[in-house]
Amino acid sequence: MPVVNTDGVFNVGRDLTMVLVGQFGRVDVPNLTAFNSRQETASIRSDRLDGIQLLAELPKGWSGTIDGDRGNRVIDDFFASTEAAWITSGIYNVSVMYVYLLEPGGALSTWIYDNVALRLDDAGNYRGDAVVTQRIMWRANRRRGA
């Protein structure tokens, strides 16, 4: 739930849930601990001879990370299947990512990231008496509201 105090309202991390839908079905990241997204842009600039600068940031997609504490083999299976499909058939399918955010007023916002390319950046570090954390890096060609 969003935090409400006398000076304002703001979101906290527990207001967000996300789901990946890929070539081999839906993937719910077990024990989701962090989600990061950032817009990517191409900076352009025109320096006119009269001294005026024209500037723009052209949308070039989105990227980020997904972190989760390993609770099962779902993430490993997803990436193993994607890798096997590429090696055996030369087919690489992108995914779609749905992000649900509970807004401070109680409304639910949905953001859809299209054409998501995924990389298992860290499959986990196994140590005694420590949680195994996995990290997925992602890039999408756009984000849109639903």
C-alpha atoms as a PDB file:
ATOM      1  CA  MET A   1       0.000   0.000   0.000  1.00  0.00           C
ATOM      2  CA  PRO A   2       1.165   3.544  -0.639  1.00  0.00           C
ATOM      3  CA  VAL A   3       2.394   5.500   2.366  1.00  0.00           C
ATOM      4  CA  VAL A   4       0.262   8.440   3.456  1.00  0.00           C
ATOM      5  CA  ASN A   5       1.446  10.966   6.001  1.00  0.00           C
ATOM      6  CA  THR A   6       0.534  14.557   6.856  1.00  0.00           C
ATOM      7  CA  ASP A   7       2.986  16.003   4.304  1.00  0.00           C
ATOM      8  CA  GLY A   8       2.203  13.828   1.292  1.00  0.00           C
ATOM      9  CA  VAL A   9       1.709  10.456  -0.312  1.00  0.00           C
ATOM     10  CA  PHE A  10       4.342   8.256  -1.935  1.00  0.00           C
ATOM     11  CA  ASN A  11       4.894   4.759  -3.284  1.00  0.00           C
ATOM     12  CA  VAL A  12       7.088   2.139  -1.679  1.00  0.00           C
ATOM     13  CA  GLY A  13       8.543  -0.949  -3.328  1.00  0.00           C
ATOM     14  CA  ARG A  14       5.801  -3.278  -2.201  1.00  0.00           C
ATOM     15  CA  ASP A  15       3.299  -1.412  -4.399  1.00  0.00           C
ATOM     16  CA  LEU A  16       4.656  -3.114  -7.546  1.00  0.00           C
ATOM     17  CA  THR A  17       4.161  -6.549  -9.071  1.00  0.00           C
ATOM     18  CA  MET A  18       5.360  -7.773 -12.458  1.00  0.00           C
ATOM     19  CA  VAL A  19       4.884 -10.715 -14.803  1.00  0.00           C
ATOM     20  CA  LEU A  20       6.881 -11.847 -17.834  1.00  0.00           C
ATOM     21  CA  VAL A  21       5.177 -13.594 -20.738  1.00  0.00           C
ATOM     22  CA  GLY A  22       7.590 -15.272 -23.102  1.00  0.00           C
ATOM     23  CA  GLN A  23       7.844 -17.892 -25.792  1.00  0.00           C
ATOM     24  CA  PHE A  24       7.291 -20.659 -23.255  1.00  0.00           C
ATOM     25  CA  GLY A  25       4.495 -19.076 -21.255  1.00  0.00           C
ATOM     26  CA  ARG A  26       4.096 -16.924 -18.179  1.00  0.00           C
ATOM     27  CA  VAL A  27       6.969 -16.474 -15.746  1.00  0.00           C
ATOM     28  CA  ASP A  28       6.266 -15.228 -12.235  1.00  0.00           C
ATOM     29  CA  VAL A  29       9.588 -14.240 -10.682  1.00  0.00           C
ATOM     30  CA  PRO A  30       9.665 -15.994  -7.310  1.00  0.00           C
ATOM     31  CA  ASN A  31      10.515 -13.800  -4.347  1.00  0.00           C
ATOM     32  CA  LEU A  32      10.781 -10.594  -6.391  1.00  0.00           C
ATOM     33  CA  THR A  33      13.052  -8.261  -4.429  1.00  0.00           C
ATOM     34  CA  ALA A  34      13.763  -5.409  -6.843  1.00  0.00           C
ATOM     35  CA  PHE A  35      12.578  -3.994 -10.147  1.00  0.00           C
ATOM     36  CA  ASN A  36      14.297  -1.149 -11.955  1.00  0.00           C
ATOM     37  CA  SER A  37      13.300   0.579 -15.185  1.00  0.00           C
ATOM     38  CA  ARG A  38      14.714   3.557 -17.028  1.00  0.00           C
ATOM     39  CA  GLN A  39      13.943   5.229 -20.306  1.00  0.00           C
ATOM     40  CA  GLU A  40      16.650   5.239 -22.960  1.00  0.00           C
ATOM     41  CA  THR A  41      16.911   8.138 -25.363  1.00  0.00           C
ATOM     42  CA  ALA A  42      19.080   9.413 -28.167  1.00  0.00           C
ATOM     43  CA  SER A  43      20.261  12.950 -27.510  1.00  0.00           C
ATOM     44  CA  ILE A  44      20.223  15.238 -30.504  1.00  0.00           C
ATOM     45  CA  ARG A  45      21.376  18.796 -30.683  1.00  0.00           C
ATOM     46  CA  SER A  46      21.433  21.482 -33.318  1.00  0.00           C
ATOM     47  CA  ASP A  47      23.780  24.412 -32.691  1.00  0.00           C
ATOM     48  CA  ARG A  48      22.442  27.143 -34.895  1.00  0.00           C
ATOM     49  CA  LEU A  49      24.750  29.896 -36.121  1.00  0.00           C
ATOM     50  CA  ASP A  50      22.625  32.469 -34.312  1.00  0.00           C
ATOM     51  CA  GLY A  51      23.595  30.855 -30.984  1.00  0.00           C
ATOM     52  CA  ILE A  52      20.276  29.147 -30.298  1.00  0.00           C
ATOM     53  CA  GLN A  53      20.448  25.464 -29.466  1.00  0.00           C
ATOM     54  CA  LEU A  54      17.697  23.087 -30.449  1.00  0.00           C
ATOM     55  CA  LEU A  55      17.579  19.999 -28.237  1.00  0.00           C
ATOM     56  CA  ALA A  56      15.625  16.757 -28.151  1.00  0.00           C
ATOM     57  CA  GLU A  57      15.686  13.413 -26.401  1.00  0.00           C
ATOM     58  CA  LEU A  58      14.263  10.848 -28.818  1.00  0.00           C
ATOM     59  CA  PRO A  59      12.720   7.744 -27.222  1.00  0.00           C
ATOM     60  CA  LYS A  60      14.877   4.639 -27.783  1.00  0.00           C
ATOM     61  CA  GLY A  61      13.182   2.129 -25.512  1.00  0.00           C
ATOM     62  CA  TRP A  62      13.489   1.084 -21.905  1.00  0.00           C
ATOM     63  CA  SER A  63      15.889  -1.063 -19.907  1.00  0.00           C
ATOM     64  CA  GLY A  64      16.358  -2.285 -16.382  1.00  0.00           C
ATOM     65  CA  THR A  65      16.846  -5.143 -13.976  1.00  0.00           C
ATOM     66  CA  ILE A  66      14.717  -7.669 -12.142  1.00  0.00           C
ATOM     67  CA  ASP A  67      16.071  -9.213  -8.942  1.00  0.00           C
ATOM     68  CA  GLY A  68      14.630 -12.154  -7.071  1.00  0.00           C
ATOM     69  CA  ASP A  69      15.672 -14.618  -4.419  1.00  0.00           C
ATOM     70  CA  ARG A  70      15.684 -18.056  -6.014  1.00  0.00           C
ATOM     71  CA  GLY A  71      12.719 -20.068  -4.782  1.00  0.00           C
ATOM     72  CA  ASN A  72      12.444 -22.605  -7.579  1.00  0.00           C
ATOM     73  CA  ARG A  73      13.762 -23.393 -11.060  1.00  0.00           C
ATOM     74  CA  VAL A  74      11.311 -21.239 -13.047  1.00  0.00           C
ATOM     75  CA  ILE A  75      13.891 -18.627 -14.100  1.00  0.00           C
ATOM     76  CA  ASP A  76      16.525 -21.259 -14.896  1.00  0.00           C
ATOM     77  CA  ASP A  77      14.006 -23.238 -16.975  1.00  0.00           C
ATOM     78  CA  PHE A  78      12.886 -20.125 -18.857  1.00  0.00           C
ATOM     79  CA  PHE A  79      16.410 -19.222 -19.930  1.00  0.00           C
ATOM     80  CA  ALA A  80      17.381 -22.832 -20.658  1.00  0.00           C
ATOM     81  CA  SER A  81      14.358 -23.161 -22.964  1.00  0.00           C
ATOM     82  CA  THR A  82      15.130 -19.857 -24.688  1.00  0.00           C
ATOM     83  CA  GLU A  83      18.754 -20.912 -25.213  1.00  0.00           C
ATOM     84  CA  ALA A  84      17.766 -24.357 -26.506  1.00  0.00           C
ATOM     85  CA  ALA A  85      15.274 -22.845 -28.968  1.00  0.00           C
ATOM     86  CA  TRP A  86      17.966 -20.531 -30.324  1.00  0.00           C
ATOM     87  CA  ILE A  87      20.604 -23.269 -30.645  1.00  0.00           C
ATOM     88  CA  THR A  88      18.348 -25.925 -32.172  1.00  0.00           C
ATOM     89  CA  SER A  89      16.143 -23.818 -34.448  1.00  0.00           C
ATOM     90  CA  GLY A  90      17.655 -20.356 -34.670  1.00  0.00           C
ATOM     91  CA  ILE A  91      14.458 -18.877 -33.268  1.00  0.00           C
ATOM     92  CA  TYR A  92      14.625 -16.143 -30.650  1.00  0.00           C
ATOM     93  CA  ASN A  93      11.331 -14.774 -29.419  1.00  0.00           C
ATOM     94  CA  VAL A  94      11.078 -11.652 -27.336  1.00  0.00           C
ATOM     95  CA  SER A  95       8.842 -11.373 -24.293  1.00  0.00           C
ATOM     96  CA  VAL A  96       6.220  -8.987 -22.969  1.00  0.00           C
ATOM     97  CA  MET A  97       6.430  -7.625 -19.445  1.00  0.00           C
ATOM     98  CA  TYR A  98       3.457  -6.418 -17.412  1.00  0.00           C
ATOM     99  CA  VAL A  99       4.060  -4.161 -14.431  1.00  0.00           C
ATOM    100  CA  TYR A 100       1.226  -3.403 -12.012  1.00  0.00           C
ATOM    101  CA  LEU A 101       1.554  -0.442  -9.663  1.00  0.00           C
ATOM    102  CA  LEU A 102      -0.881   0.398  -6.865  1.00  0.00           C
ATOM    103  CA  GLU A 103      -1.225   4.178  -6.916  1.00  0.00           C
ATOM    104  CA  PRO A 104      -1.598   6.228  -3.714  1.00  0.00           C
ATOM    105  CA  GLY A 105      -5.291   6.920  -4.452  1.00  0.00           C
ATOM    106  CA  GLY A 106      -6.001   3.189  -4.705  1.00  0.00           C
ATOM    107  CA  ALA A 107      -6.080   2.916  -8.510  1.00  0.00           C
ATOM    108  CA  LEU A 108      -4.059   0.237 -10.257  1.00  0.00           C
ATOM    109  CA  SER A 109      -1.750   1.380 -13.084  1.00  0.00           C
ATOM    110  CA  THR A 110      -0.606  -1.133 -15.674  1.00  0.00           C
ATOM    111  CA  TRP A 111       2.528  -0.614 -17.763  1.00  0.00           C
ATOM    112  CA  ILE A 112       3.257  -2.928 -20.665  1.00  0.00           C
ATOM    113  CA  TYR A 113       6.803  -3.258 -21.989  1.00  0.00           C
ATOM    114  CA  ASP A 114       6.826  -4.599 -25.562  1.00  0.00           C
ATOM    115  CA  ASN A 115       9.469  -6.642 -27.392  1.00  0.00           C
ATOM    116  CA  VAL A 116      11.466  -7.374 -24.260  1.00  0.00           C
ATOM    117  CA  ALA A 117      14.877  -8.982 -24.723  1.00  0.00           C
ATOM    118  CA  LEU A 118      16.075 -10.736 -21.578  1.00  0.00           C
ATOM    119  CA  ARG A 119      19.462 -11.798 -20.249  1.00  0.00           C
ATOM    120  CA  LEU A 120      20.089 -13.876 -17.137  1.00  0.00           C
ATOM    121  CA  ASP A 121      22.778 -11.591 -15.797  1.00  0.00           C
ATOM    122  CA  ASP A 122      23.331 -13.600 -12.621  1.00  0.00           C
ATOM    123  CA  ALA A 123      21.991 -17.134 -12.169  1.00  0.00           C
ATOM    124  CA  GLY A 124      23.000 -17.070  -8.510  1.00  0.00           C
ATOM    125  CA  ASN A 125      25.873 -17.362  -6.110  1.00  0.00           C
ATOM    126  CA  TYR A 126      25.499 -20.432  -3.901  1.00  0.00           C
ATOM    127  CA  ARG A 127      27.030 -20.043  -0.430  1.00  0.00           C
ATOM    128  CA  GLY A 128      26.312 -21.616   2.910  1.00  0.00           C
ATOM    129  CA  ASP A 129      23.606 -19.872   4.932  1.00  0.00           C
ATOM    130  CA  ALA A 130      22.989 -17.222   2.265  1.00  0.00           C
ATOM    131  CA  VAL A 131      20.078 -16.465  -0.043  1.00  0.00           C
ATOM    132  CA  VAL A 132      20.684 -17.201  -3.726  1.00  0.00           C
ATOM    133  CA  THR A 133      19.795 -14.048  -5.663  1.00  0.00           C
ATOM    134  CA  GLN A 134      19.182 -14.053  -9.401  1.00  0.00           C
ATOM    135  CA  ARG A 135      19.276 -10.992 -11.668  1.00  0.00           C
ATOM    136  CA  ILE A 136      17.659 -10.507 -15.066  1.00  0.00           C
ATOM    137  CA  MET A 137      18.704  -7.638 -17.307  1.00  0.00           C
ATOM    138  CA  TRP A 138      16.087  -6.513 -19.817  1.00  0.00           C
ATOM    139  CA  ARG A 139      15.568  -4.120 -22.717  1.00  0.00           C
ATOM    140  CA  ALA A 140      12.262  -3.223 -24.363  1.00  0.00           C
ATOM    141  CA  ASN A 141      11.472  -1.191 -27.440  1.00  0.00           C
ATOM    142  CA  ARG A 142       8.698   0.729 -25.675  1.00  0.00           C
ATOM    143  CA  ARG A 143       6.520   1.131 -22.606  1.00  0.00           C
ATOM    144  CA  ARG A 144       2.817   1.840 -22.873  1.00  0.00           C
ATOM    145  CA  GLY A 145      -0.031   2.240 -20.436  1.00  0.00           C
ATOM    146  CA  ALA A 146      -2.959  -0.115 -20.481  1.00  0.00           C
END
